[in-house]
């Protein structure tokens, strides 16, 4: 086990009707806030009215900025920064899923910064301060409600890059599983894939003597498999939705990665697919992750065997252990198909004429390699993309 520091300061307010507390929680940090969301879904569901009423009752003024898209855009982040400065707003309140939360995080970082917020994502500057952030979560997927991560897409060149700093963690996250009942099956499945990817990227490691977090990751994956199938079949099953929502937070607040060095190559590869083709992040991960596994499993065969046996209940093949690992990958792909996810670029609707460009962009300018189980060059990334065709 590696040395580690763990701090997860986000206050979680979980359960039925908890969105009514958003005004009181926000008031602890600010009197004037930016209310940030995507489109009309929160208005159709009635959530917008609940949130704004709660803010008014608490005496919190707000300025609205909607329009967040999947793979959130830098241009809207800059607009939010300008609004916060113009109206002297003191906090950003995100109502939505990971895209809204990531956009809110970037706005919060950019307001006190004299330069362009993209400097942080392009590794040209390190943020020193940020506005506080609050979240009302509507989509369990990215885990951004309690993570230090934010990912933004720059339309100038279509680069989708992430930033991991402690300043990104929200002050509070309100999580009511009932708010996810109306999610379509496809969006539910995309969220499940993203959650599972966050767990697997911590699980697949070369670090030894991490049995506790091995078991935590395996248990979380098995719970996700079970409850995703239930939630897709029974959209208003509170118990299943609650398990998925809490798993999404634990998958990305760093608890499951304590003492480990995870491998984030699959995420970095997928980000370039969704940046160029604007596909759902979870759907892209369903394509990339099995391809990454096929390319790299021999480099840490024992962990892939554990994954197959403990997560997917594969019988261990003593004569040909590689078959055991391969069966685990096959069952992961079968699960993705079962929940309606693509497992190839062709199924995703992505052509194979820009693979070299995506491989090049996945290698950020300041990196010499990506990954930890295997340290990938752009040539390795290209081979993974070819396996994903």
Protein backbone atom coordinates (compact mmCIF):
# COMPACT_ATOMS: atom_id res chain seq x y z
CA UNK A 1 0.00 0.00 0.00
CA UNK A 2 1.21 3.50 -0.89
CA UNK A 3 1.28 6.42 1.54
CA UNK A 4 -1.78 8.62 1.13
CA UNK A 5 -3.72 11.62 2.36
CA UNK A 6 -7.51 11.44 2.29
CA UNK A 7 -9.89 14.33 2.82
CA UNK A 8 -13.47 14.42 1.56
CA UNK A 9 -14.91 17.66 2.94
CA UNK A 10 -18.11 17.79 0.91
CA UNK A 11 -21.18 17.63 3.14
CA UNK A 12 -23.60 15.02 1.77
CA UNK A 13 -27.32 15.59 2.37
CA UNK A 14 -29.00 12.41 1.15
CA UNK A 15 -32.58 11.24 0.87
CA UNK A 16 -36.16 12.00 -0.05
CA UNK A 17 -37.12 15.66 -0.21
CA UNK A 18 -33.68 16.94 0.75
CA UNK A 19 -33.66 19.48 -2.09
CA UNK A 20 -35.86 21.64 0.15
CA UNK A 21 -32.75 22.35 2.24
CA UNK A 22 -30.79 23.96 -0.58
CA UNK A 23 -31.62 27.52 0.48
CA UNK A 24 -30.53 27.04 4.08
CA UNK A 25 -27.31 25.31 3.06
CA UNK A 26 -26.48 27.95 0.46
CA UNK A 27 -27.11 30.78 2.92
CA UNK A 28 -24.20 29.51 5.03
CA UNK A 29 -21.81 30.53 2.27
CA UNK A 30 -23.40 33.32 0.25
CA UNK A 31 -26.20 35.85 -0.13
CA UNK A 32 -25.95 36.09 -3.94
CA UNK A 33 -25.29 33.06 -6.14
CA UNK A 34 -25.09 31.92 -9.72
CA UNK A 35 -27.78 29.28 -10.32
CA UNK A 36 -26.28 27.01 -12.97
CA UNK A 37 -28.13 24.28 -14.86
CA UNK A 38 -28.53 22.68 -18.27
CA UNK A 39 -31.91 22.97 -19.98
CA UNK A 40 -35.60 22.71 -19.36
CA UNK A 41 -35.68 19.31 -17.66
CA UNK A 42 -35.42 20.73 -14.15
CA UNK A 43 -38.31 23.07 -14.94
CA UNK A 44 -40.48 20.30 -16.38
CA UNK A 45 -39.84 18.12 -13.34
CA UNK A 46 -40.65 20.88 -10.87
CA UNK A 47 -37.16 20.86 -9.36
CA UNK A 48 -36.41 24.39 -10.56
CA UNK A 49 -39.40 25.76 -8.66
CA UNK A 50 -38.42 23.87 -5.50
CA UNK A 51 -34.84 25.13 -5.63
CA UNK A 52 -35.71 28.76 -6.38
CA UNK A 53 -38.42 28.81 -3.72
CA UNK A 54 -35.99 27.45 -1.15
CA UNK A 55 -33.42 30.08 -2.11
CA UNK A 56 -35.97 32.89 -1.83
CA UNK A 57 -37.19 31.65 1.56
CA UNK A 58 -33.60 31.70 2.80
CA UNK A 59 -33.07 35.23 1.49
CA UNK A 60 -30.57 34.18 -1.17
CA UNK A 61 -30.54 36.22 -4.39
CA UNK A 62 -29.63 34.42 -7.59
CA UNK A 63 -28.68 35.05 -11.20
CA UNK A 64 -29.39 32.22 -13.64
CA UNK A 65 -27.18 30.65 -16.27
CA UNK A 66 -28.60 27.64 -18.11
CA UNK A 67 -27.49 26.00 -21.31
CA UNK A 68 -24.88 23.54 -20.05
CA UNK A 69 -24.34 20.80 -22.63
CA UNK A 70 -22.91 17.32 -22.18
CA UNK A 71 -19.13 17.69 -22.48
CA UNK A 72 -19.46 21.23 -21.00
CA UNK A 73 -18.11 24.07 -23.09
CA UNK A 74 -15.43 26.58 -22.19
CA UNK A 75 -17.42 29.40 -23.82
CA UNK A 76 -20.27 28.99 -21.30
CA UNK A 77 -17.76 28.82 -18.44
CA UNK A 78 -16.38 32.19 -19.54
CA UNK A 79 -19.92 33.57 -19.69
CA UNK A 80 -20.53 32.37 -16.14
CA UNK A 81 -17.33 33.99 -14.92
CA UNK A 82 -18.39 37.29 -16.46
CA UNK A 83 -21.84 37.08 -14.82
CA UNK A 84 -20.35 36.38 -11.40
CA UNK A 85 -18.04 39.36 -11.69
CA UNK A 86 -20.72 41.68 -13.05
CA UNK A 87 -23.24 40.86 -10.31
CA UNK A 88 -20.67 40.28 -7.55
CA UNK A 89 -21.93 36.74 -6.98
CA UNK A 90 -20.40 34.86 -4.08
CA UNK A 91 -21.08 31.22 -4.91
CA UNK A 92 -22.02 28.86 -7.75
CA UNK A 93 -24.97 26.51 -7.23
CA UNK A 94 -25.09 23.62 -9.73
CA UNK A 95 -28.41 21.86 -10.29
CA UNK A 96 -27.86 18.89 -12.57
CA UNK A 97 -25.37 16.14 -13.34
CA UNK A 98 -21.64 15.98 -13.90
CA UNK A 99 -21.53 18.39 -16.83
CA UNK A 100 -23.29 21.12 -14.88
CA UNK A 101 -21.13 20.51 -11.81
CA UNK A 102 -17.88 20.55 -13.80
CA UNK A 103 -18.93 23.77 -15.51
CA UNK A 104 -19.73 25.27 -12.10
CA UNK A 105 -16.33 24.24 -10.78
CA UNK A 106 -14.55 25.91 -13.68
CA UNK A 107 -16.58 29.10 -13.19
CA UNK A 108 -15.74 29.10 -9.48
CA UNK A 109 -12.04 28.80 -10.28
CA UNK A 110 -12.11 31.47 -12.95
CA UNK A 111 -13.85 34.28 -11.06
CA UNK A 112 -10.94 35.23 -8.75
CA UNK A 113 -8.28 34.57 -11.42
CA UNK A 114 -6.93 37.46 -13.47
CA UNK A 115 -6.09 35.30 -16.50
CA UNK A 116 -8.08 32.90 -18.65
CA UNK A 117 -9.54 29.93 -16.79
CA UNK A 118 -8.31 27.57 -19.55
CA UNK A 119 -4.79 28.21 -18.22
CA UNK A 120 -5.60 25.80 -15.39
CA UNK A 121 -6.77 23.01 -17.70
CA UNK A 122 -3.83 23.53 -20.08
CA UNK A 123 -1.37 23.21 -17.17
CA UNK A 124 -0.14 26.78 -17.58
CA UNK A 125 -1.22 27.92 -14.10
CA UNK A 126 -2.27 26.49 -10.74
CA UNK A 127 -5.43 27.85 -9.08
CA UNK A 128 -4.98 29.46 -5.70
CA UNK A 129 -8.60 30.19 -4.77
CA UNK A 130 -12.17 29.56 -5.88
CA UNK A 131 -15.72 30.53 -5.06
CA UNK A 132 -17.64 28.04 -2.92
CA UNK A 133 -19.89 25.58 -4.74
CA UNK A 134 -23.09 23.75 -3.92
CA UNK A 135 -24.79 20.91 -5.78
CA UNK A 136 -28.28 19.50 -6.22
CA UNK A 137 -27.55 16.25 -8.02
CA UNK A 138 -29.94 14.92 -10.68
CA UNK A 139 -27.81 12.33 -12.50
CA UNK A 140 -25.61 9.76 -10.70
CA UNK A 141 -22.65 9.23 -13.01
CA UNK A 142 -19.61 11.48 -12.89
CA UNK A 143 -19.25 11.61 -9.11
CA UNK A 144 -18.37 15.28 -9.53
CA UNK A 145 -20.57 16.20 -6.57
CA UNK A 146 -17.75 15.25 -4.16
CA UNK A 147 -14.66 14.93 -6.36
CA UNK A 148 -11.69 17.17 -7.02
CA UNK A 149 -12.11 16.68 -10.78
CA UNK A 150 -13.53 18.91 -13.49
CA UNK A 151 -13.46 18.31 -17.24
CA UNK A 152 -14.12 21.06 -19.78
CA UNK A 153 -14.24 21.07 -23.60
CA UNK A 154 -12.48 23.89 -25.44
CA UNK A 155 -14.26 24.48 -28.75
CA UNK A 156 -11.04 25.99 -30.18
CA UNK A 157 -9.51 22.72 -31.36
CA UNK A 158 -12.05 20.55 -29.51
CA UNK A 159 -9.79 19.62 -26.63
CA UNK A 160 -11.46 17.97 -23.63
CA UNK A 161 -9.11 18.26 -20.68
CA UNK A 162 -9.48 17.71 -16.97
CA UNK A 163 -8.20 19.41 -13.85
CA UNK A 164 -7.81 17.70 -10.46
CA UNK A 165 -7.36 20.09 -7.54
CA UNK A 166 -8.79 20.08 -4.03
CA UNK A 167 -10.35 23.50 -4.65
CA UNK A 168 -12.81 21.76 -6.98
CA UNK A 169 -14.61 19.90 -4.20
CA UNK A 170 -18.10 21.35 -3.53
CA UNK A 171 -19.01 22.53 -0.06
CA UNK A 172 -22.21 20.47 -0.06
CA UNK A 173 -24.14 18.08 -2.28
CA UNK A 174 -27.87 17.42 -1.95
CA UNK A 175 -28.78 13.98 -3.27
CA UNK A 176 -32.36 12.77 -3.56
CA UNK A 177 -32.65 9.48 -5.50
CA UNK A 178 -36.24 10.38 -6.41
CA UNK A 179 -34.86 13.06 -8.75
CA UNK A 180 -33.42 10.28 -10.93
CA UNK A 181 -36.69 8.38 -11.48
CA UNK A 182 -37.36 10.10 -14.81
CA UNK A 183 -33.93 9.38 -16.31
CA UNK A 184 -34.30 7.43 -19.57
CA UNK A 185 -32.78 3.93 -19.64
CA UNK A 186 -29.96 5.06 -21.93
CA UNK A 187 -28.93 7.88 -19.59
CA UNK A 188 -29.19 5.56 -16.59
CA UNK A 189 -26.92 3.08 -18.36
CA UNK A 190 -24.42 5.77 -19.36
CA UNK A 191 -24.23 6.87 -15.75
CA UNK A 192 -23.67 3.31 -14.57
CA UNK A 193 -20.79 2.83 -17.00
CA UNK A 194 -19.15 6.05 -15.81
CA UNK A 195 -19.47 5.01 -12.16
CA UNK A 196 -18.04 1.58 -12.86
CA UNK A 197 -15.17 3.11 -14.83
CA UNK A 198 -14.23 5.32 -11.90
CA UNK A 199 -14.10 2.24 -9.70
CA UNK A 200 -12.15 0.12 -12.20
CA UNK A 201 -9.62 2.85 -12.89
CA UNK A 202 -8.73 2.73 -9.23
CA UNK A 203 -9.01 -1.05 -9.00
CA UNK A 204 -6.53 -1.86 -11.77
CA UNK A 205 -3.22 -1.00 -10.16
CA UNK A 206 0.29 -2.37 -9.86
CA UNK A 207 0.35 -1.54 -6.14
CA UNK A 208 0.30 -4.63 -3.91
CA UNK A 209 -1.08 -5.24 -0.40
CA UNK A 210 -4.31 -3.32 -0.97
CA UNK A 211 -6.74 -6.08 -0.05
CA UNK A 212 -9.18 -3.80 1.80
CA UNK A 213 -9.69 -1.42 -1.10
CA UNK A 214 -9.66 -4.36 -3.53
CA UNK A 215 -12.68 -5.73 -1.69
CA UNK A 216 -14.37 -2.33 -1.48
CA UNK A 217 -13.99 -1.86 -5.24
CA UNK A 218 -15.23 -5.37 -5.99
CA UNK A 219 -18.24 -4.96 -3.73
CA UNK A 220 -19.11 -1.60 -5.27
CA UNK A 221 -18.90 -3.08 -8.77
CA UNK A 222 -21.13 -6.03 -7.87
CA UNK A 223 -23.66 -3.66 -6.32
CA UNK A 224 -23.63 -1.50 -9.45
CA UNK A 225 -24.20 -4.52 -11.70
CA UNK A 226 -27.18 -5.66 -9.64
CA UNK A 227 -28.83 -2.30 -9.11
CA UNK A 228 -28.33 -0.97 -12.63
CA UNK A 229 -30.33 -3.89 -13.99
CA UNK A 230 -33.10 -3.21 -11.47
CA UNK A 231 -33.18 0.55 -12.13
CA UNK A 232 -33.44 0.10 -15.88
CA UNK A 233 -36.31 -2.36 -15.46
CA UNK A 234 -37.99 -0.44 -12.60
CA UNK A 235 -37.13 3.28 -13.03
CA UNK A 236 -38.90 4.33 -9.83
CA UNK A 237 -37.27 1.72 -7.60
CA UNK A 238 -35.99 3.97 -4.83
CA UNK A 239 -33.67 1.40 -3.29
CA UNK A 240 -31.84 0.69 -6.55
CA UNK A 241 -31.59 4.37 -7.46
CA UNK A 242 -30.27 5.18 -3.99
CA UNK A 243 -27.57 2.49 -4.22
CA UNK A 244 -26.45 3.81 -7.61
CA UNK A 245 -26.42 7.43 -6.48
CA UNK A 246 -24.30 6.73 -3.40
CA UNK A 247 -22.00 4.42 -5.37
CA UNK A 248 -21.39 7.24 -7.84
CA UNK A 249 -20.16 9.49 -5.04
CA UNK A 250 -17.96 6.85 -3.40
CA UNK A 251 -16.53 5.88 -6.78
CA UNK A 252 -14.97 9.30 -7.26
CA UNK A 253 -14.42 10.98 -3.89
CA UNK A 254 -11.06 9.10 -3.68
CA UNK A 255 -11.98 6.71 -0.85
CA UNK A 256 -11.67 3.63 -3.07
CA UNK A 257 -8.30 4.78 -4.36
CA UNK A 258 -6.58 5.27 -1.01
CA UNK A 259 -3.15 3.65 -0.99
CA UNK A 260 -3.40 2.81 -4.69
CA UNK A 261 -2.08 4.28 -7.95
CA UNK A 262 -4.91 4.04 -10.45
CA UNK A 263 -4.81 3.90 -14.23
CA UNK A 264 -6.76 6.65 -15.99
CA UNK A 265 -5.70 5.95 -19.56
CA UNK A 266 -9.18 4.79 -20.61
CA UNK A 267 -10.77 8.02 -19.39
CA UNK A 268 -8.19 10.16 -21.17
CA UNK A 269 -8.69 8.23 -24.40
CA UNK A 270 -12.47 8.51 -24.23
CA UNK A 271 -12.37 12.23 -23.53
CA UNK A 272 -10.95 12.83 -26.99
CA UNK A 273 -13.72 10.76 -28.60
CA UNK A 274 -16.46 12.73 -26.86
CA UNK A 275 -14.67 16.03 -27.50
CA UNK A 276 -14.64 15.48 -31.26
CA UNK A 277 -17.89 13.56 -31.75
CA UNK A 278 -19.86 14.85 -28.73
CA UNK A 279 -20.98 11.36 -27.70
CA UNK A 280 -22.20 10.55 -24.21
CA UNK A 281 -19.21 10.04 -21.95
CA UNK A 282 -20.53 6.79 -20.47
CA UNK A 283 -21.25 5.33 -23.90
CA UNK A 284 -17.72 6.18 -24.98
CA UNK A 285 -16.30 4.50 -21.89
CA UNK A 286 -18.29 1.34 -22.66
CA UNK A 287 -16.36 1.17 -25.92
CA UNK A 288 -12.91 2.19 -24.69
CA UNK A 289 -12.64 0.33 -21.40
CA UNK A 290 -12.92 -3.24 -22.74
CA UNK A 291 -10.49 -2.33 -25.54
CA UNK A 292 -8.03 -0.97 -22.98
CA UNK A 293 -8.41 -4.18 -20.96
CA UNK A 294 -7.74 -6.39 -23.99
CA UNK A 295 -4.60 -4.45 -24.80
CA UNK A 296 -3.15 -4.33 -21.30
CA UNK A 297 -4.42 -7.31 -19.27
CA UNK A 298 -1.25 -9.41 -19.70
CA UNK A 299 0.80 -6.69 -18.02
CA UNK A 300 -0.98 -7.30 -14.69
CA UNK A 301 -2.64 -10.64 -15.21
CA UNK A 302 -3.29 -11.36 -11.53
CA UNK A 303 -5.50 -8.29 -11.01
CA UNK A 304 -7.51 -9.05 -14.13
CA UNK A 305 -8.02 -12.60 -12.91
CA UNK A 306 -9.25 -11.29 -9.54
CA UNK A 307 -11.63 -9.00 -11.40
CA UNK A 308 -13.04 -11.94 -13.38
CA UNK A 309 -13.37 -14.29 -10.40
CA UNK A 310 -14.53 -11.90 -7.69
CA UNK A 311 -16.70 -9.51 -9.70
CA UNK A 312 -18.08 -11.76 -12.44
CA UNK A 313 -17.92 -15.15 -10.66
CA UNK A 314 -15.76 -16.69 -13.39
CA UNK A 315 -14.37 -20.14 -12.59
CA UNK A 316 -10.58 -19.98 -12.41
CA UNK A 317 -8.87 -21.88 -15.22
CA UNK A 318 -5.78 -23.35 -13.56
CA UNK A 319 -4.34 -24.62 -16.82
CA UNK A 320 -4.78 -21.39 -18.81
CA UNK A 321 -5.14 -18.41 -16.43
CA UNK A 322 -5.32 -15.96 -19.33
CA UNK A 323 -8.64 -17.48 -20.31
CA UNK A 324 -10.01 -16.51 -16.90
CA UNK A 325 -9.01 -12.87 -17.38
CA UNK A 326 -10.38 -12.84 -20.92
CA UNK A 327 -13.73 -14.22 -19.72
CA UNK A 328 -14.00 -11.37 -17.21
CA UNK A 329 -13.57 -8.86 -20.04
CA UNK A 330 -16.15 -10.71 -22.14
CA UNK A 331 -18.68 -10.62 -19.29
CA UNK A 332 -18.13 -6.90 -18.83
CA UNK A 333 -18.89 -6.39 -22.52
CA UNK A 334 -21.98 -8.60 -22.23
CA UNK A 335 -23.21 -6.52 -19.31
CA UNK A 336 -22.76 -3.33 -21.31
CA UNK A 337 -24.77 -4.84 -24.16
CA UNK A 338 -27.45 -5.99 -21.72
CA UNK A 339 -28.00 -2.42 -20.52
CA UNK A 340 -28.07 -1.06 -24.06
CA UNK A 341 -24.53 0.31 -24.36
CA UNK A 342 -22.30 0.13 -27.46
CA UNK A 343 -19.03 -1.78 -27.22
CA UNK A 344 -17.41 -0.71 -30.51
CA UNK A 345 -16.75 2.63 -32.15
CA UNK A 346 -18.95 1.55 -35.05
CA UNK A 347 -21.88 0.92 -32.68
CA UNK A 348 -21.19 4.30 -31.09
CA UNK A 349 -21.47 5.93 -34.51
CA UNK A 350 -17.85 7.06 -34.52
CA UNK A 351 -15.88 6.56 -37.77
CA UNK A 352 -12.29 5.36 -37.69
CA UNK A 353 -10.80 8.11 -39.87
CA UNK A 354 -9.51 10.27 -36.98
CA UNK A 355 -7.95 7.67 -34.70
CA UNK A 356 -4.46 9.14 -35.05
CA UNK A 357 -5.75 12.59 -34.10
CA UNK A 358 -7.50 11.24 -31.00
CA UNK A 359 -4.41 9.26 -29.98
CA UNK A 360 -2.28 12.38 -30.32
CA UNK A 361 -4.68 14.58 -28.34
CA UNK A 362 -4.97 12.02 -25.52
CA UNK A 363 -1.27 12.59 -24.91
CA UNK A 364 -1.44 15.99 -23.27
CA UNK A 365 1.44 18.31 -24.26
CA UNK A 366 2.99 18.13 -20.80
CA UNK A 367 2.89 14.30 -20.57
CA UNK A 368 5.34 11.69 -21.80
CA UNK A 369 2.95 8.79 -21.13
CA UNK A 370 -0.51 8.03 -19.73
CA UNK A 371 -1.61 5.20 -17.48
CA UNK A 372 -0.11 3.27 -14.59
CA UNK A 373 -0.70 -0.46 -15.17
CA UNK A 374 0.85 0.29 -18.54
CA UNK A 375 2.49 3.57 -19.46
CA UNK A 376 1.01 4.33 -22.85
CA UNK A 377 2.49 6.37 -25.65
CA UNK A 378 0.36 7.75 -28.47
CA UNK A 379 1.20 4.56 -30.40
CA UNK A 380 -0.30 2.42 -27.61
CA UNK A 381 -3.40 4.61 -27.50
CA UNK A 382 -3.81 4.19 -31.24
CA UNK A 383 -3.71 0.40 -30.84
CA UNK A 384 -6.43 0.60 -28.16
CA UNK A 385 -8.59 2.66 -30.49
CA UNK A 386 -8.06 0.12 -33.26
CA UNK A 387 -9.20 -2.65 -30.91
CA UNK A 388 -12.32 -0.58 -30.20
CA UNK A 389 -13.39 -0.38 -33.88
